[in-house]
Protein backbone atom coordinates (compact mmCIF):
# COMPACT_ATOMS: atom_id res chain seq x y z
CA UNK A 1 44.23 -63.71 141.13
CA UNK A 2 43.08 -61.42 143.94
CA UNK A 3 45.00 -60.78 147.20
CA UNK A 4 43.31 -60.84 150.56
CA UNK A 5 43.63 -57.13 150.73
CA UNK A 6 41.80 -56.78 147.35
CA UNK A 7 39.08 -59.12 148.45
CA UNK A 8 38.64 -57.22 151.67
CA UNK A 9 38.35 -54.04 149.69
CA UNK A 10 35.71 -55.52 147.42
CA UNK A 11 33.81 -56.71 150.55
CA UNK A 12 33.97 -53.26 152.10
CA UNK A 13 32.88 -51.43 148.95
CA UNK A 14 29.95 -53.94 148.62
CA UNK A 15 28.80 -52.93 152.09
CA UNK A 16 28.57 -49.23 151.23
CA UNK A 17 27.02 -49.89 147.78
CA UNK A 18 23.10 -49.71 147.95
CA UNK A 19 22.35 -52.18 145.23
CA UNK A 20 19.98 -54.90 145.93
CA UNK A 21 20.59 -58.56 145.24
CA UNK A 22 18.26 -58.36 142.24
CA UNK A 23 20.14 -55.28 140.92
CA UNK A 24 23.44 -57.00 141.29
CA UNK A 25 22.13 -59.94 139.38
CA UNK A 26 21.05 -57.67 136.56
CA UNK A 27 24.46 -56.05 136.59
CA UNK A 28 26.15 -59.41 136.30
CA UNK A 29 24.04 -60.23 133.33
CA UNK A 30 24.91 -56.84 131.73
CA UNK A 31 28.61 -57.36 132.28
CA UNK A 32 28.44 -60.87 130.94
CA UNK A 33 26.77 -59.57 127.81
CA UNK A 34 29.56 -57.10 127.32
CA UNK A 35 32.07 -59.88 127.78
CA UNK A 36 30.25 -61.94 125.19
CA UNK A 37 30.26 -58.95 122.78
CA UNK A 38 33.99 -58.55 123.19
CA UNK A 39 34.57 -62.27 122.54
CA UNK A 40 32.38 -62.43 119.43
CA UNK A 41 34.08 -59.36 118.09
CA UNK A 42 37.46 -60.88 118.74
CA UNK A 43 36.36 -64.04 117.07
CA UNK A 44 35.25 -62.06 114.04
CA UNK A 45 31.66 -63.30 114.09
CA UNK A 46 29.82 -62.06 111.09
CA UNK A 47 28.46 -58.55 111.78
CA UNK A 48 30.47 -57.97 114.93
CA UNK A 49 33.95 -57.27 113.65
CA UNK A 50 33.49 -53.50 113.54
CA UNK A 51 34.04 -53.30 117.29
CA UNK A 52 37.68 -54.46 116.87
CA UNK A 53 37.96 -56.04 120.29
CA UNK A 54 41.13 -57.58 121.44
CA UNK A 55 42.02 -60.36 123.98
CA UNK A 56 42.67 -57.58 126.59
CA UNK A 57 39.07 -56.29 125.98
CA UNK A 58 37.79 -59.87 126.73
CA UNK A 59 39.84 -60.07 129.92
CA UNK A 60 38.71 -56.61 131.12
CA UNK A 61 35.06 -57.53 130.69
CA UNK A 62 35.54 -60.95 132.27
CA UNK A 63 37.17 -59.23 135.29
CA UNK A 64 34.26 -56.75 135.47
CA UNK A 65 31.93 -59.72 135.55
CA UNK A 66 34.03 -61.41 138.25
CA UNK A 67 33.96 -58.27 140.35
CA UNK A 68 30.21 -58.15 140.17
CA UNK A 69 29.86 -61.83 141.12
CA UNK A 70 32.13 -61.35 144.04
CA UNK A 71 30.13 -58.42 145.15
CA UNK A 72 26.91 -60.43 144.96
CA UNK A 73 28.51 -63.31 146.98
CA UNK A 74 29.61 -60.93 149.69
CA UNK A 75 26.19 -59.28 149.86
CA UNK A 76 24.37 -62.66 150.07
CA UNK A 77 26.73 -63.78 152.74
CA UNK A 78 26.18 -60.59 154.63
CA UNK A 79 22.37 -60.49 154.33
CA UNK A 80 21.92 -64.13 155.22
CA UNK A 81 24.71 -64.25 157.98
CA UNK A 82 26.69 -66.86 156.09
CA UNK A 83 30.33 -67.14 157.08
């Protein structure tokens, strides 16, 4: 899904981003919540259809979550000297 160049870019951006590991974990939870909201809207769960989300919205939110997870992995590897 990601090229090596894209992964290198994510890793480089993670190094200049000042978020802590705790903050990144909270951001992952936020993004996962947004992904869940998009999914329940798409599935027309009672009370959630007003958002009108599409499959593309679900994919976008899932990718946002994935980017946050990758950033967390890179930060943990960097802070704990894991190759």
